[in-house]
Amino acid sequence: MPNIPSRELHSFQEYRNDQKSCLLCDYLQIELQRDERMVCQSDAFAVVVPFWAVWPFETLMLSKRHFAAMNDLSDSERGGLADILQRVTRRYDILFQTSFPYSMGFHQRPTGGEVHPEWHFHAHYFPPLLRSAAVQKFMVRYEMLASPQRDITPESAARCLAEVGESLP
């Protein structure tokens, strides 16, 4: 299993054992209540700039219903997933005034036959740009070997992405 999903699995399992609930379900409720890092949401999904974001304008897409993998999506959630992904992508394109390059990946329950009730379906977006299409973000030196550095707060990034969405039809 890759490093990030492996660490997530460990955290999800520990949280479920300690709190008897889902870490991302609980986190999403906090984000929905505070509304400080919310980029956009629909009936089925929400997109936030997580407080732990390393990349400028990094986002986390979370399902509002607890399920573990794409094959658990209802018919309406399938359409909702396509819609929320388009909303995020369009925000990036508008904000940076270019077709926006990013790395995005879905995190689903591990395979291997176990149920994994602790797992929560989500996706990560890692954009490589800072404040314009001409300024790229590179992980180097201190960031790779010690700790990532952010030059924009998660709240500021979420506000920028949410505001450009207000101009969308």
C-alpha atoms as a PDB file:
ATOM      1  CA  MET A   1       0.000   0.000   0.000  1.00  0.00           C
ATOM      2  CA  PRO A   2       1.367   3.498  -0.823  1.00  0.00           C
ATOM      3  CA  ASN A   3       2.575   5.667   2.093  1.00  0.00           C
ATOM      4  CA  ILE A   4      -0.231   8.241   2.304  1.00  0.00           C
ATOM      5  CA  PRO A   5      -3.163   5.775   2.173  1.00  0.00           C
ATOM      6  CA  SER A   6      -1.284   3.538   4.594  1.00  0.00           C
ATOM      7  CA  ARG A   7      -0.919   6.384   7.109  1.00  0.00           C
ATOM      8  CA  GLU A   8      -4.555   7.308   6.575  1.00  0.00           C
ATOM      9  CA  LEU A   9      -5.655   3.726   7.217  1.00  0.00           C
ATOM     10  CA  HIS A  10      -3.687   3.638  10.462  1.00  0.00           C
ATOM     11  CA  SER A  11      -5.199   6.977  11.573  1.00  0.00           C
ATOM     12  CA  PHE A  12      -8.717   5.897  10.583  1.00  0.00           C
ATOM     13  CA  GLN A  13      -8.355   2.631  12.531  1.00  0.00           C
ATOM     14  CA  GLU A  14      -6.941   4.332  15.637  1.00  0.00           C
ATOM     15  CA  TYR A  15      -9.650   6.996  15.600  1.00  0.00           C
ATOM     16  CA  ARG A  16     -12.418   4.405  15.175  1.00  0.00           C
ATOM     17  CA  ASN A  17     -10.993   2.341  18.051  1.00  0.00           C
ATOM     18  CA  ASP A  18     -10.710   5.394  20.328  1.00  0.00           C
ATOM     19  CA  GLN A  19     -13.766   7.453  19.334  1.00  0.00           C
ATOM     20  CA  LYS A  20     -16.079   4.754  17.956  1.00  0.00           C
ATOM     21  CA  SER A  21     -16.739   6.917  14.899  1.00  0.00           C
ATOM     22  CA  CYS A  22     -15.227   7.879  11.545  1.00  0.00           C
ATOM     23  CA  LEU A  23     -12.396  10.405  11.548  1.00  0.00           C
ATOM     24  CA  LEU A  24     -13.365  12.008   8.215  1.00  0.00           C
ATOM     25  CA  CYS A  25     -17.084  12.061   9.054  1.00  0.00           C
ATOM     26  CA  ASP A  26     -16.287  13.932  12.264  1.00  0.00           C
ATOM     27  CA  TYR A  27     -13.775  16.206  10.515  1.00  0.00           C
ATOM     28  CA  LEU A  28     -16.300  17.058   7.793  1.00  0.00           C
ATOM     29  CA  GLN A  29     -18.897  18.051  10.409  1.00  0.00           C
ATOM     30  CA  ILE A  30     -16.397  20.464  11.968  1.00  0.00           C
ATOM     31  CA  GLU A  31     -15.592  21.981   8.567  1.00  0.00           C
ATOM     32  CA  LEU A  32     -19.287  22.328   7.703  1.00  0.00           C
ATOM     33  CA  GLN A  33     -19.986  24.061  11.028  1.00  0.00           C
ATOM     34  CA  ARG A  34     -17.003  26.432  10.881  1.00  0.00           C
ATOM     35  CA  ASP A  35     -17.292  27.167   7.147  1.00  0.00           C
ATOM     36  CA  GLU A  36     -13.763  28.691   7.138  1.00  0.00           C
ATOM     37  CA  ARG A  37     -12.063  26.324   4.703  1.00  0.00           C
ATOM     38  CA  MET A  38     -15.071  25.234   2.630  1.00  0.00           C
ATOM     39  CA  VAL A  39     -14.587  25.615  -1.115  1.00  0.00           C
ATOM     40  CA  CYS A  40     -17.884  24.188  -2.329  1.00  0.00           C
ATOM     41  CA  GLN A  41     -20.407  21.508  -1.510  1.00  0.00           C
ATOM     42  CA  SER A  42     -23.380  19.634  -2.862  1.00  0.00           C
ATOM     43  CA  ASP A  43     -25.889  17.270  -1.322  1.00  0.00           C
ATOM     44  CA  ALA A  44     -23.413  14.386  -1.516  1.00  0.00           C
ATOM     45  CA  PHE A  45     -19.914  15.934  -1.380  1.00  0.00           C
ATOM     46  CA  ALA A  46     -17.886  18.748   0.117  1.00  0.00           C
ATOM     47  CA  VAL A  47     -14.533  20.198  -0.884  1.00  0.00           C
ATOM     48  CA  VAL A  48     -12.315  21.848   1.719  1.00  0.00           C
ATOM     49  CA  VAL A  49      -8.784  23.136   1.987  1.00  0.00           C
ATOM     50  CA  PRO A  50      -7.723  20.972   4.941  1.00  0.00           C
ATOM     51  CA  PHE A  51      -5.972  22.656   7.843  1.00  0.00           C
ATOM     52  CA  TRP A  52      -2.995  20.356   7.233  1.00  0.00           C
ATOM     53  CA  ALA A  53      -2.664  21.330   3.541  1.00  0.00           C
ATOM     54  CA  VAL A  54       0.955  21.296   2.379  1.00  0.00           C
ATOM     55  CA  TRP A  55       0.471  22.582  -1.157  1.00  0.00           C
ATOM     56  CA  PRO A  56      -1.030  26.015  -1.813  1.00  0.00           C
ATOM     57  CA  PHE A  57      -4.639  25.480  -2.918  1.00  0.00           C
ATOM     58  CA  GLU A  58      -4.548  21.774  -2.024  1.00  0.00           C
ATOM     59  CA  THR A  59      -8.088  20.486  -1.554  1.00  0.00           C
ATOM     60  CA  LEU A  60      -9.778  17.459  -0.065  1.00  0.00           C
ATOM     61  CA  MET A  61     -13.045  16.163  -1.532  1.00  0.00           C
ATOM     62  CA  LEU A  62     -15.127  14.240   1.027  1.00  0.00           C
ATOM     63  CA  SER A  63     -18.297  12.236   0.633  1.00  0.00           C
ATOM     64  CA  LYS A  64     -20.974  13.416   3.031  1.00  0.00           C
ATOM     65  CA  ARG A  65     -22.289   9.890   3.433  1.00  0.00           C
ATOM     66  CA  HIS A  66     -19.952   7.360   4.997  1.00  0.00           C
ATOM     67  CA  PHE A  67     -18.929   4.742   2.445  1.00  0.00           C
ATOM     68  CA  ALA A  68     -15.606   3.279   1.467  1.00  0.00           C
ATOM     69  CA  ALA A  69     -15.307   2.947  -2.315  1.00  0.00           C
ATOM     70  CA  MET A  70     -16.690   4.070  -5.666  1.00  0.00           C
ATOM     71  CA  ASN A  71     -18.686   0.891  -6.103  1.00  0.00           C
ATOM     72  CA  ASP A  72     -20.697   2.003  -3.038  1.00  0.00           C
ATOM     73  CA  LEU A  73     -21.904   5.181  -4.805  1.00  0.00           C
ATOM     74  CA  SER A  74     -25.627   5.493  -5.399  1.00  0.00           C
ATOM     75  CA  ASP A  75     -26.833   6.567  -8.853  1.00  0.00           C
ATOM     76  CA  SER A  76     -27.396  10.156  -7.686  1.00  0.00           C
ATOM     77  CA  GLU A  77     -23.979  10.215  -5.969  1.00  0.00           C
ATOM     78  CA  ARG A  78     -22.307   9.204  -9.242  1.00  0.00           C
ATOM     79  CA  GLY A  79     -23.723  12.303 -10.895  1.00  0.00           C
ATOM     80  CA  GLY A  80     -22.894  14.336  -7.793  1.00  0.00           C
ATOM     81  CA  LEU A  81     -19.289  13.160  -7.914  1.00  0.00           C
ATOM     82  CA  ALA A  82     -18.929  14.250 -11.545  1.00  0.00           C
ATOM     83  CA  ASP A  83     -20.500  17.607 -10.674  1.00  0.00           C
ATOM     84  CA  ILE A  84     -18.261  18.340  -7.660  1.00  0.00           C
ATOM     85  CA  LEU A  85     -15.111  17.340  -9.577  1.00  0.00           C
ATOM     86  CA  GLN A  86     -16.089  19.717 -12.374  1.00  0.00           C
ATOM     87  CA  ARG A  87     -16.740  22.517  -9.871  1.00  0.00           C
ATOM     88  CA  VAL A  88     -13.282  22.150  -8.339  1.00  0.00           C
ATOM     89  CA  THR A  89     -11.514  21.918 -11.690  1.00  0.00           C
ATOM     90  CA  ARG A  90     -13.321  24.988 -13.032  1.00  0.00           C
ATOM     91  CA  ARG A  91     -12.393  26.964  -9.927  1.00  0.00           C
ATOM     92  CA  TYR A  92      -8.726  26.159 -10.419  1.00  0.00           C
ATOM     93  CA  ASP A  93      -8.909  27.128 -14.115  1.00  0.00           C
ATOM     94  CA  ILE A  94     -10.633  30.442 -13.349  1.00  0.00           C
ATOM     95  CA  LEU A  95      -8.405  31.320 -10.393  1.00  0.00           C
ATOM     96  CA  PHE A  96      -5.205  30.770 -12.358  1.00  0.00           C
ATOM     97  CA  GLN A  97      -6.637  31.884 -15.719  1.00  0.00           C
ATOM     98  CA  THR A  98      -5.291  28.807 -17.456  1.00  0.00           C
ATOM     99  CA  SER A  99      -6.165  25.184 -17.910  1.00  0.00           C
ATOM    100  CA  PHE A 100      -4.967  24.143 -14.495  1.00  0.00           C
ATOM    101  CA  PRO A 101      -2.504  21.275 -14.027  1.00  0.00           C
ATOM    102  CA  TYR A 102      -2.927  19.245 -10.850  1.00  0.00           C
ATOM    103  CA  SER A 103      -2.489  15.801  -9.408  1.00  0.00           C
ATOM    104  CA  MET A 104      -5.684  14.262  -8.091  1.00  0.00           C
ATOM    105  CA  GLY A 105      -6.368  10.840  -6.691  1.00  0.00           C
ATOM    106  CA  PHE A 106      -9.222   8.956  -5.085  1.00  0.00           C
ATOM    107  CA  HIS A 107      -8.591   7.122  -1.841  1.00  0.00           C
ATOM    108  CA  GLN A 108     -10.801   4.081  -1.462  1.00  0.00           C
ATOM    109  CA  ARG A 109     -10.796   1.223   1.036  1.00  0.00           C
ATOM    110  CA  PRO A 110      -7.866  -1.161   0.744  1.00  0.00           C
ATOM    111  CA  THR A 111      -8.400  -4.314  -1.249  1.00  0.00           C
ATOM    112  CA  GLY A 112      -7.751  -7.766   0.081  1.00  0.00           C
ATOM    113  CA  GLY A 113     -11.147  -8.897   1.256  1.00  0.00           C
ATOM    114  CA  GLU A 114     -11.427  -7.043   4.584  1.00  0.00           C
ATOM    115  CA  VAL A 115     -14.468  -4.818   5.149  1.00  0.00           C
ATOM    116  CA  HIS A 116     -12.650  -1.707   6.532  1.00  0.00           C
ATOM    117  CA  PRO A 117     -15.612   0.046   8.197  1.00  0.00           C
ATOM    118  CA  GLU A 118     -13.225   2.832   9.275  1.00  0.00           C
ATOM    119  CA  TRP A 119     -12.483   3.881   5.683  1.00  0.00           C
ATOM    120  CA  HIS A 120     -14.126   6.999   4.221  1.00  0.00           C
ATOM    121  CA  PHE A 121     -14.153   7.669   0.458  1.00  0.00           C
ATOM    122  CA  HIS A 122     -12.282  10.870  -0.439  1.00  0.00           C
ATOM    123  CA  ALA A 123      -9.988  12.479  -3.005  1.00  0.00           C
ATOM    124  CA  HIS A 124      -6.923  14.712  -2.779  1.00  0.00           C
ATOM    125  CA  TYR A 125      -6.022  17.508  -5.203  1.00  0.00           C
ATOM    126  CA  PHE A 126      -2.390  18.648  -5.206  1.00  0.00           C
ATOM    127  CA  PRO A 127      -1.960  21.677  -7.489  1.00  0.00           C
ATOM    128  CA  PRO A 128       1.615  22.628  -8.436  1.00  0.00           C
ATOM    129  CA  LEU A 129       1.026  26.381  -8.775  1.00  0.00           C
ATOM    130  CA  LEU A 130       1.377  29.170  -6.230  1.00  0.00           C
ATOM    131  CA  ARG A 131      -0.281  32.445  -7.180  1.00  0.00           C
ATOM    132  CA  SER A 132      -0.258  32.362 -10.978  1.00  0.00           C
ATOM    133  CA  ALA A 133       0.216  29.977 -13.877  1.00  0.00           C
ATOM    134  CA  ALA A 134       3.832  31.168 -14.126  1.00  0.00           C
ATOM    135  CA  VAL A 135       4.847  30.423 -10.520  1.00  0.00           C
ATOM    136  CA  GLN A 136       5.218  26.724  -9.725  1.00  0.00           C
ATOM    137  CA  LYS A 137       5.561  25.133  -6.313  1.00  0.00           C
ATOM    138  CA  PHE A 138       8.442  22.707  -5.932  1.00  0.00           C
ATOM    139  CA  MET A 139       9.140  20.535  -2.913  1.00  0.00           C
ATOM    140  CA  VAL A 140      12.828  20.978  -2.224  1.00  0.00           C
ATOM    141  CA  ARG A 141      15.399  21.066   0.529  1.00  0.00           C
ATOM    142  CA  TYR A 142      13.751  21.782   3.850  1.00  0.00           C
ATOM    143  CA  GLU A 143      10.305  20.735   2.633  1.00  0.00           C
ATOM    144  CA  MET A 144      11.474  17.326   1.475  1.00  0.00           C
ATOM    145  CA  LEU A 145      13.784  16.616   4.365  1.00  0.00           C
ATOM    146  CA  ALA A 146      12.132  18.277   7.326  1.00  0.00           C
ATOM    147  CA  SER A 147       8.725  19.942   7.085  1.00  0.00           C
ATOM    148  CA  PRO A 148       6.591  21.394   4.305  1.00  0.00           C
ATOM    149  CA  GLN A 149       6.332  25.185   4.134  1.00  0.00           C
ATOM    150  CA  ARG A 150       3.162  27.038   3.193  1.00  0.00           C
ATOM    151  CA  ASP A 151       3.068  30.592   1.953  1.00  0.00           C
ATOM    152  CA  ILE A 152      -0.729  30.838   2.079  1.00  0.00           C
ATOM    153  CA  THR A 153      -3.093  29.800   4.846  1.00  0.00           C
ATOM    154  CA  PRO A 154      -5.718  27.119   4.195  1.00  0.00           C
ATOM    155  CA  GLU A 155      -8.412  29.677   5.016  1.00  0.00           C
ATOM    156  CA  SER A 156      -7.079  32.135   2.395  1.00  0.00           C
ATOM    157  CA  ALA A 157      -6.847  29.424  -0.256  1.00  0.00           C
ATOM    158  CA  ALA A 158     -10.392  28.230   0.461  1.00  0.00           C
ATOM    159  CA  ARG A 159     -11.713  31.805   0.301  1.00  0.00           C
ATOM    160  CA  CYS A 160     -10.051  32.371  -3.116  1.00  0.00           C
ATOM    161  CA  LEU A 161     -11.433  29.124  -4.549  1.00  0.00           C
ATOM    162  CA  ALA A 162     -14.903  29.700  -3.092  1.00  0.00           C
ATOM    163  CA  GLU A 163     -15.067  33.278  -4.409  1.00  0.00           C
ATOM    164  CA  VAL A 164     -14.167  32.335  -7.984  1.00  0.00           C
ATOM    165  CA  GLY A 165     -16.932  29.751  -7.819  1.00  0.00           C
ATOM    166  CA  GLU A 166     -19.463  32.509  -7.221  1.00  0.00           C
ATOM    167  CA  SER A 167     -18.925  33.617 -10.828  1.00  0.00           C
ATOM    168  CA  LEU A 168     -19.773  30.139 -12.195  1.00  0.00           C
ATOM    169  CA  PRO A 169     -23.164  29.569 -13.812  1.00  0.00           C
END
